[in-house]
Amino acid sequence: MHGHHRDPALWPDPERFDPRRFLGRDPRPGELIPQGGGDAHTGHRCTGEDITVHLVATLSTTLADLDFDMPEQDLRIPVSRVPTRPRSGVRIQIPARTPLTTSPGSPAQR
């Protein structure tokens, strides 16, 4: 999966964090493999896959709509660790003027 998600033949600029990649479309089968490959009903998959995929889809849409910056960080992924993650985690900075949510009476609604 590590190599698949970083294959430049499949992903333009594969090392760049870009939550906008799937705006306006769903990933094609086998394109994004967040929890393993194969059929979820017959293969060995993560028991939390459904909620994880839902959270990733929701977060991606939210991040795509935000004005954010990514500070310098170590995004190398040690493949000897399972589960793995970028060495520094993934940190983003959201300007204070960007509301994450709006509700009646919030500054964005006034």
C-alpha atoms as a PDB file:
ATOM      1  CA  MET A   1       0.000   0.000   0.000  1.00  0.00           C
ATOM      2  CA  HIS A   2       2.846   2.390   0.784  1.00  0.00           C
ATOM      3  CA  GLY A   3       4.216   2.080  -2.751  1.00  0.00           C
ATOM      4  CA  HIS A   4       0.769   2.126  -4.361  1.00  0.00           C
ATOM      5  CA  HIS A   5      -0.177   5.415  -2.705  1.00  0.00           C
ATOM      6  CA  ARG A   6       3.130   6.975  -3.809  1.00  0.00           C
ATOM      7  CA  ASP A   7       3.181   5.755  -7.413  1.00  0.00           C
ATOM      8  CA  PRO A   8       3.517   8.805  -9.698  1.00  0.00           C
ATOM      9  CA  ALA A   9       1.815   6.826 -12.479  1.00  0.00           C
ATOM     10  CA  LEU A  10      -1.339   6.745 -10.328  1.00  0.00           C
ATOM     11  CA  TRP A  11      -1.064  10.005  -8.398  1.00  0.00           C
ATOM     12  CA  PRO A  12       0.148  13.386  -9.641  1.00  0.00           C
ATOM     13  CA  ASP A  13       2.717  14.683  -7.133  1.00  0.00           C
ATOM     14  CA  PRO A  14       2.164  11.661  -4.842  1.00  0.00           C
ATOM     15  CA  GLU A  15       4.199  12.985  -1.894  1.00  0.00           C
ATOM     16  CA  ARG A  16       2.088  16.160  -1.615  1.00  0.00           C
ATOM     17  CA  PHE A  17      -0.706  16.236   0.962  1.00  0.00           C
ATOM     18  CA  ASP A  18      -3.767  17.173  -1.112  1.00  0.00           C
ATOM     19  CA  PRO A  19      -7.240  16.576   0.341  1.00  0.00           C
ATOM     20  CA  ARG A  20      -8.708  18.038  -2.883  1.00  0.00           C
ATOM     21  CA  ARG A  21      -7.750  14.953  -4.930  1.00  0.00           C
ATOM     22  CA  PHE A  22     -11.223  13.432  -4.704  1.00  0.00           C
ATOM     23  CA  LEU A  23     -13.421  16.510  -4.791  1.00  0.00           C
ATOM     24  CA  GLY A  24     -16.318  15.904  -7.148  1.00  0.00           C
ATOM     25  CA  ARG A  25     -15.661  12.179  -7.549  1.00  0.00           C
ATOM     26  CA  ASP A  26     -15.386   8.947  -5.609  1.00  0.00           C
ATOM     27  CA  PRO A  27     -12.138   6.969  -5.709  1.00  0.00           C
ATOM     28  CA  ARG A  28     -12.183   4.221  -8.342  1.00  0.00           C
ATOM     29  CA  PRO A  29     -11.958   0.620  -7.037  1.00  0.00           C
ATOM     30  CA  GLY A  30      -8.368  -0.140  -6.058  1.00  0.00           C
ATOM     31  CA  GLU A  31      -7.306   3.508  -6.379  1.00  0.00           C
ATOM     32  CA  LEU A  32      -7.312   4.396  -2.691  1.00  0.00           C
ATOM     33  CA  ILE A  33      -6.568   1.548  -0.280  1.00  0.00           C
ATOM     34  CA  PRO A  34      -6.891   2.991   3.235  1.00  0.00           C
ATOM     35  CA  GLN A  35      -7.533  -0.343   4.997  1.00  0.00           C
ATOM     36  CA  GLY A  36      -6.226  -3.080   2.687  1.00  0.00           C
ATOM     37  CA  GLY A  37      -7.300  -4.477  -0.671  1.00  0.00           C
ATOM     38  CA  GLY A  38      -9.956  -6.929  -1.737  1.00  0.00           C
ATOM     39  CA  ASP A  39     -13.619  -7.332  -0.981  1.00  0.00           C
ATOM     40  CA  ALA A  40     -14.494  -6.164   2.543  1.00  0.00           C
ATOM     41  CA  HIS A  41     -17.070  -8.974   2.900  1.00  0.00           C
ATOM     42  CA  THR A  42     -14.745 -11.861   2.016  1.00  0.00           C
ATOM     43  CA  GLY A  43     -11.210 -10.633   2.733  1.00  0.00           C
ATOM     44  CA  HIS A  44      -9.309  -9.799   5.888  1.00  0.00           C
ATOM     45  CA  ARG A  45     -10.022  -6.138   6.497  1.00  0.00           C
ATOM     46  CA  CYS A  46      -9.981  -3.746   9.414  1.00  0.00           C
ATOM     47  CA  THR A  47     -13.060  -3.992  11.659  1.00  0.00           C
ATOM     48  CA  GLY A  48     -13.154  -0.198  11.880  1.00  0.00           C
ATOM     49  CA  GLU A  49     -12.984   0.286   8.107  1.00  0.00           C
ATOM     50  CA  ASP A  50     -16.488   1.667   7.588  1.00  0.00           C
ATOM     51  CA  ILE A  51     -16.112   4.394  10.205  1.00  0.00           C
ATOM     52  CA  THR A  52     -12.559   5.156   9.076  1.00  0.00           C
ATOM     53  CA  VAL A  53     -13.580   5.595   5.436  1.00  0.00           C
ATOM     54  CA  HIS A  54     -16.492   7.810   6.522  1.00  0.00           C
ATOM     55  CA  LEU A  55     -14.226   9.950   8.717  1.00  0.00           C
ATOM     56  CA  VAL A  56     -11.592  10.284   5.984  1.00  0.00           C
ATOM     57  CA  ALA A  57     -14.256  11.320   3.449  1.00  0.00           C
ATOM     58  CA  THR A  58     -15.723  13.887   5.854  1.00  0.00           C
ATOM     59  CA  LEU A  59     -12.337  15.236   6.892  1.00  0.00           C
ATOM     60  CA  SER A  60     -11.102  15.451   3.287  1.00  0.00           C
ATOM     61  CA  THR A  61     -14.109  17.563   2.281  1.00  0.00           C
ATOM     62  CA  THR A  62     -13.668  19.813   5.315  1.00  0.00           C
ATOM     63  CA  LEU A  63      -9.924  20.236   4.707  1.00  0.00           C
ATOM     64  CA  ALA A  64     -10.454  20.924   1.011  1.00  0.00           C
ATOM     65  CA  ASP A  65     -12.671  23.889   1.920  1.00  0.00           C
ATOM     66  CA  LEU A  66     -10.232  25.379   4.448  1.00  0.00           C
ATOM     67  CA  ASP A  67      -7.495  27.886   3.975  1.00  0.00           C
ATOM     68  CA  PHE A  68      -4.592  26.053   5.635  1.00  0.00           C
ATOM     69  CA  ASP A  69      -0.818  25.898   5.625  1.00  0.00           C
ATOM     70  CA  MET A  70       1.429  22.942   6.291  1.00  0.00           C
ATOM     71  CA  PRO A  71       4.454  23.872   8.387  1.00  0.00           C
ATOM     72  CA  GLU A  72       7.799  22.237   7.664  1.00  0.00           C
ATOM     73  CA  GLN A  73       7.674  18.701   9.060  1.00  0.00           C
ATOM     74  CA  ASP A  74       9.098  15.230   8.584  1.00  0.00           C
ATOM     75  CA  LEU A  75       6.550  13.381   6.421  1.00  0.00           C
ATOM     76  CA  ARG A  76       8.824  10.420   5.731  1.00  0.00           C
ATOM     77  CA  ILE A  77       7.044   7.182   6.539  1.00  0.00           C
ATOM     78  CA  PRO A  78       9.037   4.422   8.226  1.00  0.00           C
ATOM     79  CA  VAL A  79       7.810   1.259   6.528  1.00  0.00           C
ATOM     80  CA  SER A  80       9.322  -0.948   9.255  1.00  0.00           C
ATOM     81  CA  ARG A  81       6.605   0.159  11.706  1.00  0.00           C
ATOM     82  CA  VAL A  82       3.058  -1.241  11.523  1.00  0.00           C
ATOM     83  CA  PRO A  83       0.793   0.593  11.681  1.00  0.00           C
ATOM     84  CA  THR A  84       2.877   3.333  10.200  1.00  0.00           C
ATOM     85  CA  ARG A  85       2.477   7.100  10.030  1.00  0.00           C
ATOM     86  CA  PRO A  86       4.609  10.076   9.044  1.00  0.00           C
ATOM     87  CA  ARG A  87       7.468  10.584  11.501  1.00  0.00           C
ATOM     88  CA  SER A  88       6.159  13.978  12.619  1.00  0.00           C
ATOM     89  CA  GLY A  89       2.481  13.120  12.259  1.00  0.00           C
ATOM     90  CA  VAL A  90       0.675  15.508   9.928  1.00  0.00           C
ATOM     91  CA  ARG A  91       0.286  19.028  11.241  1.00  0.00           C
ATOM     92  CA  ILE A  92      -1.655  21.798   9.556  1.00  0.00           C
ATOM     93  CA  GLN A  93      -2.119  25.418  10.569  1.00  0.00           C
ATOM     94  CA  ILE A  94      -5.529  26.994  10.147  1.00  0.00           C
ATOM     95  CA  PRO A  95      -5.613  30.802  10.267  1.00  0.00           C
ATOM     96  CA  ALA A  96      -7.648  32.113  13.210  1.00  0.00           C
ATOM     97  CA  ARG A  97     -10.020  33.891  10.822  1.00  0.00           C
ATOM     98  CA  THR A  98     -11.134  30.583   9.248  1.00  0.00           C
ATOM     99  CA  PRO A  99     -14.185  29.148  11.057  1.00  0.00           C
ATOM    100  CA  LEU A 100     -14.287  25.362  11.143  1.00  0.00           C
ATOM    101  CA  THR A 101     -18.048  25.322  11.578  1.00  0.00           C
ATOM    102  CA  THR A 102     -20.781  27.893  11.513  1.00  0.00           C
ATOM    103  CA  SER A 103     -23.817  28.011  13.689  1.00  0.00           C
ATOM    104  CA  PRO A 104     -26.575  30.585  14.231  1.00  0.00           C
ATOM    105  CA  GLY A 105     -25.069  33.617  15.896  1.00  0.00           C
ATOM    106  CA  SER A 106     -21.469  32.738  15.031  1.00  0.00           C
ATOM    107  CA  PRO A 107     -19.339  35.511  13.475  1.00  0.00           C
ATOM    108  CA  ALA A 108     -19.687  33.871  10.043  1.00  0.00           C
ATOM    109  CA  GLN A 109     -23.485  34.154  10.305  1.00  0.00           C
ATOM    110  CA  ARG A 110     -23.591  37.820  11.398  1.00  0.00           C
END
